[in-house]
């Protein structure tokens, strides 16, 4: 499942909205209450649950980057190939969403 999200959303608000659909992105940096999805992508942020869900580039399917020349749908590069950087404003993002599995407490 994927979710298409505008990049200005703050992480905690995004997770609240995704939770309404029973899914999560799983990316949870220390600054999740204050930082935006676009900021995570542009800084290649890593979250506390990276071993379960991956880093932001593992969750990212595609994004729209607005440059002075053109708007283009691009895929993020992996951490090792930072020389292929695209300079622009991250606008719209498609992410992998994972079903939330709730633990049932036995009585």
PDB file of N, CA and C in Angstrom:
ATOM      1  N   UNK A   1       0.844  -1.172   0.000  1.00  0.00           N
ATOM      2  CA  UNK A   1       0.000   0.000   0.000  1.00  0.00           C
ATOM      3  C   UNK A   1       0.889   1.235   0.000  1.00  0.00           C
ATOM      4  N   UNK A   2       0.445   2.261  -0.678  1.00  0.00           N
ATOM      5  CA  UNK A   2       1.183   3.517  -0.684  1.00  0.00           C
ATOM      6  C   UNK A   2       0.282   4.663  -0.254  1.00  0.00           C
ATOM      7  N   UNK A   3       0.893   5.744   0.152  1.00  0.00           N
ATOM      8  CA  UNK A   3       0.172   6.958   0.535  1.00  0.00           C
ATOM      9  C   UNK A   3       0.815   8.133  -0.176  1.00  0.00           C
ATOM     10  N   UNK A   4       0.009   9.020  -0.745  1.00  0.00           N
ATOM     11  CA  UNK A   4       0.495  10.224  -1.417  1.00  0.00           C
ATOM     12  C   UNK A   4       0.273  11.393  -0.458  1.00  0.00           C
ATOM     13  N   UNK A   5       1.353  12.053  -0.043  1.00  0.00           N
ATOM     14  CA  UNK A   5       1.291  13.046   1.028  1.00  0.00           C
ATOM     15  C   UNK A   5       2.059  14.295   0.623  1.00  0.00           C
ATOM     16  N   UNK A   6       1.504  15.465   0.924  1.00  0.00           N
ATOM     17  CA  UNK A   6       2.236  16.710   0.681  1.00  0.00           C
ATOM     18  C   UNK A   6       3.341  16.832   1.711  1.00  0.00           C
ATOM     19  N   UNK A   7       4.486  17.311   1.288  1.00  0.00           N
ATOM     20  CA  UNK A   7       5.690  17.215   2.108  1.00  0.00           C
ATOM     21  C   UNK A   7       5.768  18.216   3.258  1.00  0.00           C
ATOM     22  N   UNK A   8       4.908  19.199   3.333  1.00  0.00           N
ATOM     23  CA  UNK A   8       4.965  20.164   4.425  1.00  0.00           C
ATOM     24  C   UNK A   8       4.363  19.669   5.719  1.00  0.00           C
ATOM     25  N   UNK A   9       3.743  18.504   5.705  1.00  0.00           N
ATOM     26  CA  UNK A   9       3.088  17.983   6.905  1.00  0.00           C
ATOM     27  C   UNK A   9       4.124  17.626   7.969  1.00  0.00           C
ATOM     28  N   UNK A  10       3.773  17.889   9.206  1.00  0.00           N
ATOM     29  CA  UNK A  10       4.623  17.535  10.346  1.00  0.00           C
ATOM     30  C   UNK A  10       4.424  16.047  10.643  1.00  0.00           C
ATOM     31  N   UNK A  11       5.494  15.366  11.017  1.00  0.00           N
ATOM     32  CA  UNK A  11       5.483  13.914  11.193  1.00  0.00           C
ATOM     33  C   UNK A  11       4.391  13.380  12.099  1.00  0.00           C
ATOM     34  N   UNK A  12       4.196  13.981  13.266  1.00  0.00           N
ATOM     35  CA  UNK A  12       3.189  13.489  14.204  1.00  0.00           C
ATOM     36  C   UNK A  12       1.777  13.623  13.617  1.00  0.00           C
ATOM     37  N   UNK A  13       1.513  14.711  12.904  1.00  0.00           N
ATOM     38  CA  UNK A  13       0.206  14.902  12.267  1.00  0.00           C
ATOM     39  C   UNK A  13      -0.015  13.879  11.152  1.00  0.00           C
ATOM     40  N   UNK A  14       1.036  13.592  10.418  1.00  0.00           N
ATOM     41  CA  UNK A  14       0.948  12.599   9.352  1.00  0.00           C
ATOM     42  C   UNK A  14       0.602  11.232   9.928  1.00  0.00           C
ATOM     43  N   UNK A  15       1.279  10.837  10.988  1.00  0.00           N
ATOM     44  CA  UNK A  15       1.016   9.534  11.597  1.00  0.00           C
ATOM     45  C   UNK A  15      -0.411   9.452  12.148  1.00  0.00           C
ATOM     46  N   UNK A  16      -0.915  10.544  12.716  1.00  0.00           N
ATOM     47  CA  UNK A  16      -2.308  10.560  13.193  1.00  0.00           C
ATOM     48  C   UNK A  16      -3.271  10.320  12.035  1.00  0.00           C
ATOM     49  N   UNK A  17      -3.027  10.978  10.904  1.00  0.00           N
ATOM     50  CA  UNK A  17      -3.878  10.799   9.741  1.00  0.00           C
ATOM     51  C   UNK A  17      -3.794   9.397   9.159  1.00  0.00           C
ATOM     52  N   UNK A  18      -2.601   8.848   9.084  1.00  0.00           N
ATOM     53  CA  UNK A  18      -2.437   7.492   8.568  1.00  0.00           C
ATOM     54  C   UNK A  18      -3.105   6.460   9.469  1.00  0.00           C
ATOM     55  N   UNK A  19      -3.056   6.716  10.769  1.00  0.00           N
ATOM     56  CA  UNK A  19      -3.640   5.795  11.738  1.00  0.00           C
ATOM     57  C   UNK A  19      -5.155   5.630  11.512  1.00  0.00           C
ATOM     58  N   UNK A  20      -5.816   6.673  11.012  1.00  0.00           N
ATOM     59  CA  UNK A  20      -7.248   6.590  10.706  1.00  0.00           C
ATOM     60  C   UNK A  20      -7.547   5.519   9.662  1.00  0.00           C
ATOM     61  N   UNK A  21      -6.554   5.214   8.829  1.00  0.00           N
ATOM     62  CA  UNK A  21      -6.697   4.182   7.800  1.00  0.00           C
ATOM     63  C   UNK A  21      -6.065   2.856   8.210  1.00  0.00           C
ATOM     64  N   UNK A  22      -5.583   2.788   9.451  1.00  0.00           N
ATOM     65  CA  UNK A  22      -4.990   1.556   9.957  1.00  0.00           C
ATOM     66  C   UNK A  22      -3.591   1.281   9.443  1.00  0.00           C
ATOM     67  N   UNK A  23      -2.898   2.338   9.001  1.00  0.00           N
ATOM     68  CA  UNK A  23      -1.534   2.168   8.481  1.00  0.00           C
ATOM     69  C   UNK A  23      -0.585   3.138   9.168  1.00  0.00           C
ATOM     70  N   UNK A  24       0.694   2.882   9.006  1.00  0.00           N
ATOM     71  CA  UNK A  24       1.739   3.744   9.532  1.00  0.00           C
ATOM     72  C   UNK A  24       2.868   3.825   8.515  1.00  0.00           C
ATOM     73  N   UNK A  25       3.617   4.893   8.554  1.00  0.00           N
ATOM     74  CA  UNK A  25       4.814   4.962   7.736  1.00  0.00           C
ATOM     75  C   UNK A  25       5.964   4.332   8.505  1.00  0.00           C
ATOM     76  N   UNK A  26       5.939   4.432   9.820  1.00  0.00           N
ATOM     77  CA  UNK A  26       6.947   3.794  10.648  1.00  0.00           C
ATOM     78  C   UNK A  26       8.214   4.597  10.852  1.00  0.00           C
ATOM     79  N   UNK A  27       8.380   5.675  10.099  1.00  0.00           N
ATOM     80  CA  UNK A  27       9.587   6.490  10.233  1.00  0.00           C
ATOM     81  C   UNK A  27       9.398   7.419  11.426  1.00  0.00           C
ATOM     82  N   UNK A  28      10.284   7.322  12.395  1.00  0.00           N
ATOM     83  CA  UNK A  28      10.102   8.103  13.615  1.00  0.00           C
ATOM     84  C   UNK A  28      11.427   8.690  14.101  1.00  0.00           C
ATOM     85  N   UNK A  29      11.852   9.803  13.492  1.00  0.00           N
ATOM     86  CA  UNK A  29      13.059  10.458  14.004  1.00  0.00           C
ATOM     87  C   UNK A  29      12.770  11.113  15.355  1.00  0.00           C
ATOM     88  N   UNK A  30      13.792  11.472  16.085  1.00  0.00           N
ATOM     89  CA  UNK A  30      13.608  12.109  17.395  1.00  0.00           C
ATOM     90  C   UNK A  30      12.763  13.370  17.302  1.00  0.00           C
ATOM     91  N   UNK A  31      12.809  14.046  16.163  1.00  0.00           N
ATOM     92  CA  UNK A  31      12.103  15.317  15.990  1.00  0.00           C
ATOM     93  C   UNK A  31      10.732  15.159  15.336  1.00  0.00           C
ATOM     94  N   UNK A  32      10.115  13.993  15.442  1.00  0.00           N
ATOM     95  CA  UNK A  32       8.872  13.698  14.722  1.00  0.00           C
ATOM     96  C   UNK A  32       7.758  14.712  15.016  1.00  0.00           C
ATOM     97  N   UNK A  33       7.727  15.303  16.220  1.00  0.00           N
ATOM     98  CA  UNK A  33       6.675  16.270  16.573  1.00  0.00           C
ATOM     99  C   UNK A  33       6.885  17.625  15.921  1.00  0.00           C
ATOM    100  N   UNK A  34       8.107  17.902  15.454  1.00  0.00           N
ATOM    101  CA  UNK A  34       8.444  19.237  14.973  1.00  0.00           C
ATOM    102  C   UNK A  34       8.921  19.291  13.526  1.00  0.00           C
ATOM    103  N   UNK A  35       9.304  18.170  12.960  1.00  0.00           N
ATOM    104  CA  UNK A  35       9.919  18.167  11.629  1.00  0.00           C
ATOM    105  C   UNK A  35       8.935  17.709  10.562  1.00  0.00           C
ATOM    106  N   UNK A  36       9.235  18.105   9.324  1.00  0.00           N
ATOM    107  CA  UNK A  36       8.311  17.807   8.225  1.00  0.00           C
ATOM    108  C   UNK A  36       8.801  16.645   7.367  1.00  0.00           C
ATOM    109  N   UNK A  37       7.879  16.065   6.643  1.00  0.00           N
ATOM    110  CA  UNK A  37       8.186  14.977   5.720  1.00  0.00           C
ATOM    111  C   UNK A  37       9.214  15.424   4.678  1.00  0.00           C
ATOM    112  N   UNK A  38       9.054  16.620   4.128  1.00  0.00           N
ATOM    113  CA  UNK A  38      10.007  17.131   3.154  1.00  0.00           C
ATOM    114  C   UNK A  38      11.401  17.294   3.733  1.00  0.00           C
ATOM    115  N   UNK A  39      11.465  17.708   4.990  1.00  0.00           N
ATOM    116  CA  UNK A  39      12.753  17.837   5.664  1.00  0.00           C
ATOM    117  C   UNK A  39      13.436  16.499   5.837  1.00  0.00           C
ATOM    118  N   UNK A  40      12.659  15.469   6.155  1.00  0.00           N
ATOM    119  CA  UNK A  40      13.233  14.130   6.303  1.00  0.00           C
ATOM    120  C   UNK A  40      13.855  13.655   4.999  1.00  0.00           C
ATOM    121  N   UNK A  41      13.145  13.931   3.908  1.00  0.00           N
ATOM    122  CA  UNK A  41      13.638  13.476   2.607  1.00  0.00           C
ATOM    123  C   UNK A  41      14.890  14.246   2.212  1.00  0.00           C
ATOM    124  N   UNK A  42      14.855  15.555   2.377  1.00  0.00           N
ATOM    125  CA  UNK A  42      16.001  16.357   1.941  1.00  0.00           C
ATOM    126  C   UNK A  42      17.245  16.127   2.788  1.00  0.00           C
ATOM    127  N   UNK A  43      17.076  15.658   4.022  1.00  0.00           N
ATOM    128  CA  UNK A  43      18.233  15.372   4.871  1.00  0.00           C
ATOM    129  C   UNK A  43      18.524  13.876   4.981  1.00  0.00           C
ATOM    130  N   UNK A  44      17.718  13.069   4.299  1.00  0.00           N
ATOM    131  CA  UNK A  44      17.842  11.609   4.362  1.00  0.00           C
ATOM    132  C   UNK A  44      17.836  11.119   5.806  1.00  0.00           C
ATOM    133  N   UNK A  45      16.792  11.495   6.501  1.00  0.00           N
ATOM    134  CA  UNK A  45      16.680  11.224   7.933  1.00  0.00           C
ATOM    135  C   UNK A  45      16.585   9.731   8.232  1.00  0.00           C
ATOM    136  N   UNK A  46      17.012   9.403   9.426  1.00  0.00           N
ATOM    137  CA  UNK A  46      16.944   8.040   9.935  1.00  0.00           C
ATOM    138  C   UNK A  46      16.080   8.056  11.183  1.00  0.00           C
ATOM    139  N   UNK A  47      15.244   7.051  11.343  1.00  0.00           N
ATOM    140  CA  UNK A  47      14.342   7.015  12.482  1.00  0.00           C
ATOM    141  C   UNK A  47      14.686   5.945  13.494  1.00  0.00           C
ATOM    142  N   UNK A  48      14.023   6.030  14.656  1.00  0.00           N
ATOM    143  CA  UNK A  48      14.273   5.084  15.741  1.00  0.00           C
ATOM    144  C   UNK A  48      13.838   3.668  15.380  1.00  0.00           C
ATOM    145  N   UNK A  49      12.888   3.527  14.451  1.00  0.00           N
ATOM    146  CA  UNK A  49      12.379   2.205  14.064  1.00  0.00           C
ATOM    147  C   UNK A  49      12.954   1.746  12.723  1.00  0.00           C
ATOM    148  N   UNK A  50      14.152   2.232  12.376  1.00  0.00           N
ATOM    149  CA  UNK A  50      14.738   1.937  11.066  1.00  0.00           C
ATOM    150  C   UNK A  50      14.981   0.452  10.847  1.00  0.00           C
ATOM    151  N   UNK A  51      15.234  -0.304  11.906  1.00  0.00           N
ATOM    152  CA  UNK A  51      15.461  -1.734  11.735  1.00  0.00           C
ATOM    153  C   UNK A  51      14.196  -2.472  11.323  1.00  0.00           C
ATOM    154  N   UNK A  52      13.046  -1.912  11.642  1.00  0.00           N
ATOM    155  CA  UNK A  52      11.775  -2.525  11.278  1.00  0.00           C
ATOM    156  C   UNK A  52      11.236  -1.971   9.963  1.00  0.00           C
ATOM    157  N   UNK A  53      11.253  -0.640   9.800  1.00  0.00           N
ATOM    158  CA  UNK A  53      10.647  -0.001   8.636  1.00  0.00           C
ATOM    159  C   UNK A  53      11.650   0.516   7.612  1.00  0.00           C
ATOM    160  N   UNK A  54      12.874   0.734   8.019  1.00  0.00           N
ATOM    161  CA  UNK A  54      13.892   1.280   7.128  1.00  0.00           C
ATOM    162  C   UNK A  54      14.057   2.775   7.318  1.00  0.00           C
ATOM    163  N   UNK A  55      15.080   3.325   6.661  1.00  0.00           N
ATOM    164  CA  UNK A  55      15.302   4.769   6.654  1.00  0.00           C
ATOM    165  C   UNK A  55      14.344   5.401   5.653  1.00  0.00           C
ATOM    166  N   UNK A  56      14.318   6.712   5.584  1.00  0.00           N
ATOM    167  CA  UNK A  56      13.367   7.408   4.724  1.00  0.00           C
ATOM    168  C   UNK A  56      13.513   6.985   3.265  1.00  0.00           C
ATOM    169  N   UNK A  57      14.737   6.753   2.786  1.00  0.00           N
ATOM    170  CA  UNK A  57      14.896   6.351   1.386  1.00  0.00           C
ATOM    171  C   UNK A  57      14.383   4.938   1.121  1.00  0.00           C
ATOM    172  N   UNK A  58      14.221   4.122   2.160  1.00  0.00           N
ATOM    173  CA  UNK A  58      13.644   2.794   1.999  1.00  0.00           C
ATOM    174  C   UNK A  58      12.117   2.860   1.915  1.00  0.00           C
ATOM    175  N   UNK A  59      11.526   3.870   2.532  1.00  0.00           N
ATOM    176  CA  UNK A  59      10.081   4.037   2.585  1.00  0.00           C
ATOM    177  C   UNK A  59       9.577   4.839   1.386  1.00  0.00           C
ATOM    178  N   UNK A  60      10.423   5.715   0.881  1.00  0.00           N
ATOM    179  CA  UNK A  60      10.048   6.596  -0.224  1.00  0.00           C
ATOM    180  C   UNK A  60       9.902   5.818  -1.526  1.00  0.00           C
ATOM    181  N   UNK A  61       8.758   5.988  -2.189  1.00  0.00           N
ATOM    182  CA  UNK A  61       8.536   5.376  -3.495  1.00  0.00           C
ATOM    183  C   UNK A  61       8.944   6.364  -4.580  1.00  0.00           C
ATOM    184  N   UNK A  62       8.434   7.582  -4.503  1.00  0.00           N
ATOM    185  CA  UNK A  62       8.811   8.636  -5.448  1.00  0.00           C
ATOM    186  C   UNK A  62       8.445   9.984  -4.854  1.00  0.00           C
ATOM    187  N   UNK A  63       8.960  11.036  -5.461  1.00  0.00           N
ATOM    188  CA  UNK A  63       8.593  12.371  -5.014  1.00  0.00           C
ATOM    189  C   UNK A  63       8.688  13.332  -6.188  1.00  0.00           C
ATOM    190  N   UNK A  64       7.964  14.425  -6.073  1.00  0.00           N
ATOM    191  CA  UNK A  64       8.021  15.485  -7.068  1.00  0.00           C
ATOM    192  C   UNK A  64       8.932  16.563  -6.521  1.00  0.00           C
ATOM    193  N   UNK A  65       9.949  16.908  -7.291  1.00  0.00           N
ATOM    194  CA  UNK A  65      10.886  17.954  -6.911  1.00  0.00           C
ATOM    195  C   UNK A  65      10.729  19.090  -7.904  1.00  0.00           C
ATOM    196  N   UNK A  66      10.474  20.287  -7.393  1.00  0.00           N
ATOM    197  CA  UNK A  66      10.352  21.464  -8.240  1.00  0.00           C
ATOM    198  C   UNK A  66      11.720  22.139  -8.291  1.00  0.00           C
ATOM    199  N   UNK A  67      12.238  22.284  -9.497  1.00  0.00           N
ATOM    200  CA  UNK A  67      13.534  22.930  -9.706  1.00  0.00           C
ATOM    201  C   UNK A  67      13.310  24.207 -10.507  1.00  0.00           C
ATOM    202  N   UNK A  68      14.311  25.054 -10.614  1.00  0.00           N
ATOM    203  CA  UNK A  68      14.135  26.260 -11.434  1.00  0.00           C
ATOM    204  C   UNK A  68      13.787  25.946 -12.892  1.00  0.00           C
ATOM    205  N   UNK A  69      14.182  24.787 -13.378  1.00  0.00           N
ATOM    206  CA  UNK A  69      13.931  24.427 -14.759  1.00  0.00           C
ATOM    207  C   UNK A  69      12.587  23.732 -14.977  1.00  0.00           C
ATOM    208  N   UNK A  70      12.213  22.798 -14.082  1.00  0.00           N
ATOM    209  CA  UNK A  70      11.056  21.945 -14.352  1.00  0.00           C
ATOM    210  C   UNK A  70      10.605  21.218 -13.080  1.00  0.00           C
ATOM    211  N   UNK A  71       9.352  20.757 -13.056  1.00  0.00           N
ATOM    212  CA  UNK A  71       8.874  19.838 -12.026  1.00  0.00           C
ATOM    213  C   UNK A  71       9.059  18.427 -12.574  1.00  0.00           C
ATOM    214  N   UNK A  72       9.635  17.545 -11.799  1.00  0.00           N
ATOM    215  CA  UNK A  72       9.880  16.192 -12.293  1.00  0.00           C
ATOM    216  C   UNK A  72       9.664  15.180 -11.190  1.00  0.00           C
ATOM    217  N   UNK A  73       9.121  14.034 -11.530  1.00  0.00           N
ATOM    218  CA  UNK A  73       8.990  12.940 -10.585  1.00  0.00           C
ATOM    219  C   UNK A  73      10.319  12.206 -10.559  1.00  0.00           C
ATOM    220  N   UNK A  74      10.889  12.071  -9.380  1.00  0.00           N
ATOM    221  CA  UNK A  74      12.201  11.437  -9.272  1.00  0.00           C
ATOM    222  C   UNK A  74      12.185  10.397  -8.170  1.00  0.00           C
ATOM    223  N   UNK A  75      13.119   9.505  -8.208  1.00  0.00           N
ATOM    224  CA  UNK A  75      13.320   8.560  -7.123  1.00  0.00           C
ATOM    225  C   UNK A  75      14.520   9.024  -6.316  1.00  0.00           C
ATOM    226  N   UNK A  76      14.456   8.858  -5.017  1.00  0.00           N
ATOM    227  CA  UNK A  76      15.564   9.264  -4.168  1.00  0.00           C
ATOM    228  C   UNK A  76      16.751   8.325  -4.398  1.00  0.00           C
ATOM    229  N   UNK A  77      17.934   8.858  -4.283  1.00  0.00           N
ATOM    230  CA  UNK A  77      19.130   8.035  -4.429  1.00  0.00           C
ATOM    231  C   UNK A  77      19.473   7.419  -3.082  1.00  0.00           C
ATOM    232  N   UNK A  78      20.180   6.316  -3.115  1.00  0.00           N
ATOM    233  CA  UNK A  78      20.556   5.683  -1.855  1.00  0.00           C
ATOM    234  C   UNK A  78      21.661   6.484  -1.168  1.00  0.00           C
ATOM    235  N   UNK A  79      21.930   6.154   0.070  1.00  0.00           N
ATOM    236  CA  UNK A  79      22.883   6.908   0.885  1.00  0.00           C
ATOM    237  C   UNK A  79      24.289   6.931   0.290  1.00  0.00           C
ATOM    238  N   UNK A  80      24.695   5.888  -0.405  1.00  0.00           N
ATOM    239  CA  UNK A  80      26.053   5.810  -0.935  1.00  0.00           C
ATOM    240  C   UNK A  80      26.270   6.693  -2.160  1.00  0.00           C
ATOM    241  N   UNK A  81      25.212   7.034  -2.883  1.00  0.00           N
ATOM    242  CA  UNK A  81      25.399   7.786  -4.127  1.00  0.00           C
ATOM    243  C   UNK A  81      24.931   9.226  -3.989  1.00  0.00           C
ATOM    244  N   UNK A  82      25.448   9.914  -2.987  1.00  0.00           N
ATOM    245  CA  UNK A  82      25.034  11.289  -2.718  1.00  0.00           C
ATOM    246  C   UNK A  82      25.481  12.256  -3.806  1.00  0.00           C
ATOM    247  N   UNK A  83      26.376  11.842  -4.691  1.00  0.00           N
ATOM    248  CA  UNK A  83      26.820  12.737  -5.753  1.00  0.00           C
ATOM    249  C   UNK A  83      25.728  12.975  -6.797  1.00  0.00           C
ATOM    250  N   UNK A  84      24.681  12.167  -6.801  1.00  0.00           N
ATOM    251  CA  UNK A  84      23.588  12.317  -7.755  1.00  0.00           C
ATOM    252  C   UNK A  84      22.465  13.187  -7.201  1.00  0.00           C
ATOM    253  N   UNK A  85      22.779  14.116  -6.344  1.00  0.00           N
ATOM    254  CA  UNK A  85      21.775  14.935  -5.668  1.00  0.00           C
ATOM    255  C   UNK A  85      20.989  15.783  -6.660  1.00  0.00           C
ATOM    256  N   UNK A  86      19.696  15.934  -6.379  1.00  0.00           N
ATOM    257  CA  UNK A  86      18.829  16.825  -7.143  1.00  0.00           C
ATOM    258  C   UNK A  86      18.555  18.023  -6.255  1.00  0.00           C
ATOM    259  N   UNK A  87      18.795  19.218  -6.751  1.00  0.00           N
ATOM    260  CA  UNK A  87      18.591  20.416  -5.959  1.00  0.00           C
ATOM    261  C   UNK A  87      17.268  21.047  -6.345  1.00  0.00           C
ATOM    262  N   UNK A  88      16.378  21.177  -5.361  1.00  0.00           N
ATOM    263  CA  UNK A  88      15.069  21.753  -5.608  1.00  0.00           C
ATOM    264  C   UNK A  88      14.208  21.643  -4.375  1.00  0.00           C
ATOM    265  N   UNK A  89      12.946  21.944  -4.532  1.00  0.00           N
ATOM    266  CA  UNK A  89      11.974  21.915  -3.454  1.00  0.00           C
ATOM    267  C   UNK A  89      11.148  20.641  -3.558  1.00  0.00           C
ATOM    268  N   UNK A  90      11.175  19.823  -2.510  1.00  0.00           N
ATOM    269  CA  UNK A  90      10.375  18.602  -2.494  1.00  0.00           C
ATOM    270  C   UNK A  90       8.919  19.009  -2.309  1.00  0.00           C
ATOM    271  N   UNK A  91       8.036  18.539  -3.171  1.00  0.00           N
ATOM    272  CA  UNK A  91       6.660  19.006  -3.175  1.00  0.00           C
ATOM    273  C   UNK A  91       5.662  17.936  -2.755  1.00  0.00           C
ATOM    274  N   UNK A  92       5.603  16.849  -3.471  1.00  0.00           N
ATOM    275  CA  UNK A  92       4.623  15.789  -3.231  1.00  0.00           C
ATOM    276  C   UNK A  92       5.361  14.474  -3.118  1.00  0.00           C
ATOM    277  N   UNK A  93       4.929  13.615  -2.197  1.00  0.00           N
ATOM    278  CA  UNK A  93       5.672  12.404  -1.881  1.00  0.00           C
ATOM    279  C   UNK A  93       4.753  11.193  -1.915  1.00  0.00           C
ATOM    280  N   UNK A  94       5.234  10.082  -2.448  1.00  0.00           N
ATOM    281  CA  UNK A  94       4.533   8.799  -2.361  1.00  0.00           C
ATOM    282  C   UNK A  94       5.382   7.894  -1.490  1.00  0.00           C
ATOM    283  N   UNK A  95       4.767   7.361  -0.424  1.00  0.00           N
ATOM    284  CA  UNK A  95       5.465   6.542   0.562  1.00  0.00           C
ATOM    285  C   UNK A  95       4.832   5.174   0.680  1.00  0.00           C
ATOM    286  N   UNK A  96       5.601   4.236   1.170  1.00  0.00           N
ATOM    287  CA  UNK A  96       5.072   2.924   1.511  1.00  0.00           C
ATOM    288  C   UNK A  96       4.383   3.037   2.863  1.00  0.00           C
ATOM    289  N   UNK A  97       3.159   2.542   2.942  1.00  0.00           N
ATOM    290  CA  UNK A  97       2.423   2.523   4.211  1.00  0.00           C
ATOM    291  C   UNK A  97       2.273   1.071   4.649  1.00  0.00           C
ATOM    292  N   UNK A  98       2.452   0.821   5.924  1.00  0.00           N
ATOM    293  CA  UNK A  98       2.406  -0.529   6.476  1.00  0.00           C
ATOM    294  C   UNK A  98       1.219  -0.657   7.416  1.00  0.00           C
ATOM    295  N   UNK A  99       0.530  -1.783   7.342  1.00  0.00           N
ATOM    296  CA  UNK A  99      -0.601  -2.024   8.232  1.00  0.00           C
ATOM    297  C   UNK A  99      -0.139  -2.044   9.680  1.00  0.00           C
ATOM    298  N   UNK A 100      -0.920  -1.395  10.539  1.00  0.00           N
ATOM    299  CA  UNK A 100      -0.615  -1.388  11.972  1.00  0.00           C
ATOM    300  C   UNK A 100      -1.176  -2.668  12.579  1.00  0.00           C
ATOM    301  N   UNK A 101      -0.326  -3.440  13.208  1.00  0.00           N
ATOM    302  CA  UNK A 101      -0.769  -4.649  13.888  1.00  0.00           C
ATOM    303  C   UNK A 101      -0.820  -4.343  15.373  1.00  0.00           C
ATOM    304  N   UNK A 102      -2.015  -4.436  15.929  1.00  0.00           N
ATOM    305  CA  UNK A 102      -2.183  -4.136  17.346  1.00  0.00           C
ATOM    306  C   UNK A 102      -2.073  -5.425  18.146  1.00  0.00           C
ATOM    307  N   UNK A 103      -1.311  -5.372  19.199  1.00  0.00           N
ATOM    308  CA  UNK A 103      -1.179  -6.541  20.084  1.00  0.00           C
ATOM    309  C   UNK A 103      -2.447  -6.671  20.916  1.00  0.00           C
ATOM    310  N   UNK A 104      -2.985  -7.845  20.964  1.00  0.00           N
ATOM    311  CA  UNK A 104      -4.189  -8.101  21.759  1.00  0.00           C
ATOM    312  C   UNK A 104      -3.749  -8.681  23.100  1.00  0.00           C
ATOM    313  N   UNK A 105      -4.175  -8.011  24.148  1.00  0.00           N
ATOM    314  CA  UNK A 105      -3.782  -8.444  25.489  1.00  0.00           C
ATOM    315  C   UNK A 105      -4.759  -9.512  25.968  1.00  0.00           C
ATOM    316  N   UNK A 106      -4.218 -10.672  26.318  1.00  0.00           N
ATOM    317  CA  UNK A 106      -5.062 -11.757  26.798  1.00  0.00           C
ATOM    318  C   UNK A 106      -5.407 -11.530  28.260  1.00  0.00           C
ATOM    319  N   UNK A 107      -6.626 -11.882  28.620  1.00  0.00           N
ATOM    320  CA  UNK A 107      -7.047 -11.709  30.022  1.00  0.00           C
ATOM    321  C   UNK A 107      -7.063 -13.014  30.753  1.00  0.00           C
TER     322      UNK A 107
END
